[in-house]
Amino acid sequence: MGNEGFVFHNILLIVLAYLADLLFGDPVWFPHPVRGMGKLITRLEKYLRRGGNRKNEKAKGIVLFFLVVGISSSFSFVALKFCTQWSSFLGDILWIYLSYTVLATKDLRTEAREVFRELKTGSLIGARRKLSRIVGRDTAGLSEEKIIVATVESVAESTNDGIVAPLLYLCLGGPVLAIAYKAVNTLDSMVGHRNDKYLNFGWFSARMDDVANFIPARLTGLLVSFSSLLTGRGFRKPFSTIIQDGRKHLSPNSGISEAAMAGALGIRLGGCVSYDGELFERPYLGEERKKPVPSQIKEAIKISFVSSVLALLLGVLLRWLIY
């Protein structure tokens, strides 16, 4: 296979992986690498922190990081190598499968729409329950406005973590690099918390997630701004909100996509949130030009989807130019 044929073949696999995610999502009954990563992190954490020993927490966290990322990426590399040598068709199937599992375009839309449907029926209890599946904050007692804000924030952040970033790494280095990114992201979501239990143990994982998402997050902000333009909301407001408020967030990355989405929808995100019963005051992002209403969840989903299409096109172009 010539170089052009190789590049076209890889681009075709990337597109098929994206389409597979749109069609199938992540059924709970289907084997999924991220669930495997979660179990691996849990078991290694128990081993490294056995006996309740809290000494050398940062060093243990670094060991956890390299073990999880190393095992996840190595297993993917070996499996791909073995399957490709056995059968090129089987290798392509595994390539698509691994690539499809790092994406979350359909699941993001599905979960956010579930919250929207509960709000439309007037069920705050149902909306809080559905919201708890996509956010880490406490959802009990949240008002309708707070539910909408939390859902939009989740859609904005997940547009980066679940779509743009994995697509970028997939196009740059194939499924092995994308799996490595997903391992970093999963580590951050499980141990990268700013509480007493994980402040030191999860410090390295949180910092590495910041590094891995630095460029993708800024790309996501631009894509959300362009998607806002393509969906009739304009480019200037989301982009200016990134410049004005994107760096206010505690995370160097999350604030970029959230600020862009706040500007696109004309609402204000952030404010007081609760994690495990502890209150945190997050900076406000965006201007409150409109009051949060349930329909803005659907608008955020639409902007996120258009961003995913733009990310795919950009990634394919990048793959073509590199190779």
Protein backbone atom coordinates (compact mmCIF):
# COMPACT_ATOMS: atom_id res chain seq x y z
CA MET A 1 0.00 0.00 0.00
CA GLY A 2 1.48 3.37 -1.04
CA ASN A 3 1.69 6.36 1.28
CA GLU A 4 -1.48 7.98 -0.12
CA GLY A 5 -3.33 4.69 0.14
CA PHE A 6 -2.18 4.30 3.76
CA VAL A 7 -3.32 7.81 4.66
CA PHE A 8 -6.72 7.34 2.97
CA HIS A 9 -7.12 4.00 4.77
CA ASN A 10 -6.44 5.62 8.17
CA ILE A 11 -8.80 8.50 7.44
CA LEU A 12 -11.52 6.01 6.50
CA LEU A 13 -11.02 4.18 9.82
CA ILE A 14 -11.27 7.46 11.75
CA VAL A 15 -14.53 8.38 10.01
CA LEU A 16 -15.96 4.90 10.60
CA ALA A 17 -15.05 5.12 14.30
CA TYR A 18 -16.83 8.50 14.55
CA LEU A 19 -19.92 7.11 12.80
CA ALA A 20 -19.89 4.02 15.03
CA ASP A 21 -19.97 6.27 18.08
CA LEU A 22 -22.90 8.24 16.65
CA LEU A 23 -24.80 5.03 15.93
CA PHE A 24 -24.07 2.89 18.99
CA GLY A 25 -22.77 5.08 21.81
CA ASP A 26 -21.49 3.10 24.79
CA PRO A 27 -24.00 0.40 25.80
CA VAL A 28 -23.42 -0.74 29.39
CA TRP A 29 -23.38 -4.40 28.33
CA PHE A 30 -20.63 -3.90 25.75
CA PRO A 31 -16.94 -4.33 26.75
CA HIS A 32 -15.40 -0.89 27.13
CA PRO A 33 -11.74 0.06 27.74
CA VAL A 34 -12.65 3.01 29.98
CA ARG A 35 -14.56 0.74 32.37
CA GLY A 36 -11.52 -1.51 32.39
CA MET A 37 -9.33 1.50 33.21
CA GLY A 38 -11.66 2.40 36.06
CA LYS A 39 -11.37 -1.06 37.59
CA LEU A 40 -7.59 -1.00 37.15
CA ILE A 41 -7.33 2.39 38.87
CA THR A 42 -9.49 1.21 41.78
CA ARG A 43 -7.42 -1.94 42.33
CA LEU A 44 -4.06 -0.21 42.02
CA GLU A 45 -5.19 2.55 44.39
CA LYS A 46 -6.19 -0.03 47.00
CA TYR A 47 -2.82 -1.76 46.62
CA LEU A 48 -0.74 1.43 46.74
CA ARG A 49 -2.66 2.81 49.73
CA ARG A 50 -3.10 -0.48 51.56
CA GLY A 51 -3.27 -0.31 55.33
CA GLY A 52 -4.38 3.31 55.19
CA ASN A 53 -0.78 4.46 54.86
CA ARG A 54 -0.81 8.13 53.79
CA LYS A 55 2.97 8.54 53.49
CA ASN A 56 4.58 9.43 50.15
CA GLU A 57 1.18 10.15 48.61
CA LYS A 58 2.56 12.14 45.68
CA ALA A 59 5.07 9.42 44.79
CA LYS A 60 2.36 6.76 44.93
CA GLY A 61 0.14 8.88 42.71
CA ILE A 62 2.93 9.17 40.14
CA VAL A 63 3.39 5.39 40.19
CA LEU A 64 -0.38 4.95 39.69
CA PHE A 65 -0.34 7.33 36.73
CA PHE A 66 2.45 5.59 34.83
CA LEU A 67 1.10 2.12 35.58
CA VAL A 68 -2.41 2.93 34.32
CA VAL A 69 -1.31 4.87 31.23
CA GLY A 70 1.45 2.36 30.47
CA ILE A 71 -0.74 -0.73 30.85
CA SER A 72 -3.65 0.79 28.88
CA SER A 73 -1.57 1.97 25.92
CA SER A 74 0.69 -1.11 25.89
CA PHE A 75 -2.27 -3.48 25.89
CA SER A 76 -3.85 -1.55 23.00
CA PHE A 77 -0.58 -1.57 21.03
CA VAL A 78 0.03 -5.30 21.52
CA ALA A 79 -3.59 -6.20 20.71
CA LEU A 80 -3.52 -4.14 17.52
CA LYS A 81 -0.16 -5.60 16.48
CA PHE A 82 -1.32 -9.16 17.09
CA CYS A 83 -4.67 -8.76 15.30
CA THR A 84 -3.11 -6.97 12.32
CA GLN A 85 -0.52 -9.72 11.89
CA TRP A 86 -3.24 -12.35 12.15
CA SER A 87 -5.58 -10.57 9.72
CA SER A 88 -5.56 -7.03 8.32
CA PHE A 89 -9.36 -7.04 8.42
CA LEU A 90 -9.36 -8.07 12.10
CA GLY A 91 -6.77 -5.36 12.77
CA ASP A 92 -9.03 -2.76 11.15
CA ILE A 93 -12.01 -3.90 13.23
CA LEU A 94 -10.01 -3.54 16.45
CA TRP A 95 -8.65 -0.16 15.25
CA ILE A 96 -12.20 1.09 14.75
CA TYR A 97 -13.42 -0.43 18.04
CA LEU A 98 -10.68 1.13 20.18
CA SER A 99 -11.11 4.48 18.42
CA TYR A 100 -14.88 4.45 18.76
CA THR A 101 -14.69 3.77 22.51
CA VAL A 102 -12.68 6.93 23.23
CA LEU A 103 -15.46 9.10 21.76
CA ALA A 104 -18.64 10.13 23.56
CA THR A 105 -20.64 12.15 21.03
CA LYS A 106 -23.82 10.10 21.25
CA ASP A 107 -23.67 9.47 24.99
CA LEU A 108 -23.20 13.17 25.68
CA ARG A 109 -26.28 14.02 23.62
CA THR A 110 -28.33 11.19 25.14
CA GLU A 111 -27.53 12.00 28.78
CA ALA A 112 -28.11 15.74 28.37
CA ARG A 113 -31.38 15.14 26.54
CA GLU A 114 -32.57 12.94 29.42
CA VAL A 115 -32.15 15.89 31.79
CA PHE A 116 -34.00 18.13 29.32
CA ARG A 117 -36.92 15.67 29.04
CA GLU A 118 -37.30 15.48 32.83
CA LEU A 119 -37.37 19.28 33.07
CA LYS A 120 -39.95 19.51 30.31
CA THR A 121 -42.24 17.18 32.24
CA GLY A 122 -41.74 19.30 35.37
CA SER A 123 -39.90 16.58 37.28
CA LEU A 124 -37.06 18.24 39.20
CA ILE A 125 -36.41 15.00 41.09
CA GLY A 126 -36.01 13.10 37.83
CA ALA A 127 -33.82 15.86 36.36
CA ARG A 128 -31.57 15.83 39.43
CA ARG A 129 -31.25 12.06 39.19
CA LYS A 130 -30.36 12.18 35.48
CA LEU A 131 -27.95 15.05 36.08
CA SER A 132 -26.10 13.06 38.75
CA ARG A 133 -25.02 10.64 36.01
CA ILE A 134 -23.01 13.28 34.15
CA VAL A 135 -21.67 15.60 36.88
CA GLY A 136 -19.59 15.05 40.00
CA ARG A 137 -21.32 17.73 42.09
CA ASP A 138 -24.17 17.14 44.53
CA THR A 139 -27.49 17.41 42.69
CA ALA A 140 -30.00 17.01 45.53
CA GLY A 141 -32.00 20.17 46.05
CA LEU A 142 -30.83 21.94 42.90
CA SER A 143 -33.29 24.41 41.39
CA GLU A 144 -34.31 24.22 37.74
CA GLU A 145 -31.93 27.06 36.90
CA LYS A 146 -29.00 25.32 38.63
CA ILE A 147 -29.81 22.06 36.84
CA ILE A 148 -29.75 23.81 33.47
CA VAL A 149 -26.44 25.55 34.26
CA ALA A 150 -24.86 22.30 35.44
CA THR A 151 -26.04 20.44 32.34
CA VAL A 152 -24.74 23.11 29.96
CA GLU A 153 -21.40 23.15 31.80
CA SER A 154 -21.18 19.37 31.48
CA VAL A 155 -21.97 19.51 27.75
CA ALA A 156 -19.32 22.21 27.23
CA GLU A 157 -16.61 20.40 29.19
CA SER A 158 -17.43 17.01 27.69
CA THR A 159 -17.26 18.48 24.18
CA ASN A 160 -13.54 18.77 24.89
CA ASP A 161 -12.91 15.67 27.04
CA GLY A 162 -15.21 13.31 25.17
CA ILE A 163 -15.02 14.54 21.58
CA VAL A 164 -12.43 17.11 20.48
CA ALA A 165 -9.43 15.95 22.55
CA PRO A 166 -9.75 12.20 21.81
CA LEU A 167 -10.38 12.96 18.12
CA LEU A 168 -7.26 15.13 18.00
CA TYR A 169 -5.09 12.45 19.60
CA LEU A 170 -6.68 9.77 17.42
CA CYS A 171 -5.79 11.70 14.28
CA LEU A 172 -2.27 12.43 15.53
CA GLY A 173 -1.31 8.98 16.79
CA GLY A 174 -4.06 6.46 16.16
CA PRO A 175 -5.99 4.52 18.79
CA VAL A 176 -2.96 3.85 21.03
CA LEU A 177 -2.39 7.57 21.63
CA ALA A 178 -6.14 8.14 21.99
CA ILE A 179 -6.35 5.34 24.58
CA ALA A 180 -3.38 6.86 26.44
CA TYR A 181 -5.23 10.20 26.53
CA LYS A 182 -8.38 8.49 27.78
CA ALA A 183 -6.38 6.83 30.57
CA VAL A 184 -5.04 10.25 31.64
CA ASN A 185 -8.56 11.71 31.56
CA THR A 186 -10.03 8.80 33.51
CA LEU A 187 -7.31 9.10 36.16
CA ASP A 188 -8.13 12.77 36.57
CA SER A 189 -11.87 12.09 36.92
CA MET A 190 -11.27 9.39 39.56
CA VAL A 191 -8.35 10.68 41.64
CA GLY A 192 -7.70 14.25 40.50
CA HIS A 193 -9.91 15.86 43.14
CA ARG A 194 -9.07 18.85 45.34
CA ASN A 195 -10.10 17.21 48.61
CA ASP A 196 -8.15 15.77 51.53
CA LYS A 197 -8.23 12.22 50.20
CA TYR A 198 -6.81 12.96 46.76
CA LEU A 199 -5.07 16.34 47.01
CA ASN A 200 -1.61 14.72 47.06
CA PHE A 201 -2.36 11.26 45.68
CA GLY A 202 -4.13 12.63 42.60
CA TRP A 203 -1.94 15.72 42.14
CA PHE A 204 0.19 14.29 39.32
CA SER A 205 -2.78 12.85 37.43
CA ALA A 206 -4.59 16.19 37.62
CA ARG A 207 -1.54 18.09 36.34
CA MET A 208 -0.99 15.64 33.48
CA ASP A 209 -4.65 15.99 32.49
CA ASP A 210 -4.14 19.76 32.41
CA VAL A 211 -1.17 19.27 30.07
CA ALA A 212 -2.98 16.77 27.84
CA ASN A 213 -5.99 19.06 27.46
CA PHE A 214 -4.21 22.40 27.11
CA ILE A 215 -4.25 22.56 23.30
CA PRO A 216 -7.50 20.60 22.77
CA ALA A 217 -9.38 22.88 25.20
CA ARG A 218 -8.39 26.00 23.27
CA LEU A 219 -9.27 24.29 20.01
CA THR A 220 -12.65 23.37 21.52
CA GLY A 221 -13.25 27.00 22.43
CA LEU A 222 -12.65 28.01 18.82
CA LEU A 223 -14.82 25.18 17.47
CA VAL A 224 -17.68 26.10 19.81
CA SER A 225 -17.38 29.71 18.63
CA PHE A 226 -17.50 28.68 14.97
CA SER A 227 -20.37 26.27 15.71
CA SER A 228 -22.22 29.15 17.34
CA LEU A 229 -21.76 31.11 14.11
CA LEU A 230 -22.95 28.18 11.97
CA THR A 231 -26.05 27.71 14.13
CA GLY A 232 -27.04 31.36 13.86
CA ARG A 233 -25.77 32.70 17.19
CA GLY A 234 -22.69 34.53 15.98
CA PHE A 235 -18.96 34.15 16.59
CA ARG A 236 -18.11 37.34 18.48
CA LYS A 237 -19.86 36.69 21.80
CA PRO A 238 -18.49 33.19 22.49
CA PHE A 239 -14.99 34.19 21.39
CA SER A 240 -14.96 37.42 23.43
CA THR A 241 -16.25 35.51 26.46
CA ILE A 242 -13.30 33.13 26.15
CA ILE A 243 -10.93 36.11 26.19
CA GLN A 244 -12.76 37.78 29.07
CA ASP A 245 -13.63 34.84 31.33
CA GLY A 246 -11.87 31.71 30.05
CA ARG A 247 -9.01 31.96 32.54
CA LYS A 248 -11.18 32.63 35.60
CA HIS A 249 -11.94 28.94 36.13
CA LEU A 250 -9.90 26.93 38.65
CA SER A 251 -9.02 24.57 35.81
CA PRO A 252 -6.73 26.03 33.11
CA ASN A 253 -8.83 24.22 30.50
CA SER A 254 -12.45 23.74 31.56
CA GLY A 255 -13.13 27.46 31.60
CA ILE A 256 -12.34 27.81 27.89
CA SER A 257 -15.13 25.62 26.53
CA GLU A 258 -17.56 26.68 29.28
CA ALA A 259 -16.95 30.38 28.59
CA ALA A 260 -17.47 29.81 24.87
CA MET A 261 -20.76 28.01 25.50
CA ALA A 262 -21.90 30.68 27.96
CA GLY A 263 -21.22 33.36 25.34
CA ALA A 264 -22.98 31.38 22.62
CA LEU A 265 -26.13 30.86 24.70
CA GLY A 266 -26.13 34.25 26.40
CA ILE A 267 -26.29 32.82 29.91
CA ARG A 268 -24.01 32.93 32.94
CA LEU A 269 -22.33 29.73 34.11
CA GLY A 270 -20.49 29.02 37.36
CA GLY A 271 -21.48 30.08 40.87
CA CYS A 272 -21.83 28.12 44.09
CA VAL A 273 -21.63 24.32 43.79
CA SER A 274 -21.46 21.49 46.32
CA TYR A 275 -19.16 18.47 46.23
CA ASP A 276 -19.67 15.79 48.89
CA GLY A 277 -21.48 18.32 51.05
CA GLU A 278 -18.74 20.94 50.82
CA LEU A 279 -19.59 24.26 49.15
CA PHE A 280 -17.31 25.84 46.55
CA GLU A 281 -17.71 29.25 44.95
CA ARG A 282 -16.81 29.01 41.26
CA PRO A 283 -16.22 32.18 39.23
CA TYR A 284 -18.99 33.29 36.93
CA LEU A 285 -18.43 32.86 33.20
CA GLY A 286 -20.36 34.92 30.67
CA GLU A 287 -22.98 37.65 30.91
CA GLU A 288 -26.52 36.91 31.97
CA ARG A 289 -28.21 38.22 28.81
CA LYS A 290 -30.89 35.54 29.21
CA LYS A 291 -32.32 33.54 32.08
CA PRO A 292 -31.48 29.80 31.92
CA VAL A 293 -34.36 27.84 30.39
CA PRO A 294 -34.53 24.10 29.49
CA SER A 295 -34.37 24.74 25.73
CA GLN A 296 -30.80 26.01 26.16
CA ILE A 297 -29.75 22.44 26.94
CA LYS A 298 -30.87 21.44 23.44
CA GLU A 299 -29.05 24.45 22.00
CA ALA A 300 -25.86 23.42 23.81
CA ILE A 301 -26.22 19.86 22.47
CA LYS A 302 -26.59 21.21 18.92
CA ILE A 303 -23.50 23.41 19.25
CA SER A 304 -21.57 20.45 20.70
CA PHE A 305 -22.59 18.21 17.80
CA VAL A 306 -21.59 20.77 15.17
CA SER A 307 -18.28 21.16 17.03
CA SER A 308 -17.76 17.40 16.78
CA VAL A 309 -18.26 17.48 13.00
CA LEU A 310 -15.83 20.38 12.67
CA ALA A 311 -13.32 18.55 14.89
CA LEU A 312 -13.60 15.46 12.67
CA LEU A 313 -13.02 17.49 9.50
CA LEU A 314 -10.09 19.33 11.07
CA GLY A 315 -8.61 16.08 12.36
CA VAL A 316 -8.88 14.41 8.97
CA LEU A 317 -7.19 17.40 7.34
CA LEU A 318 -4.45 17.30 9.97
CA ARG A 319 -3.92 13.59 9.38
CA TRP A 320 -3.67 14.18 5.64
CA LEU A 321 -1.15 17.02 6.02
CA ILE A 322 1.05 15.14 8.51
CA TYR A 323 1.27 11.94 6.49
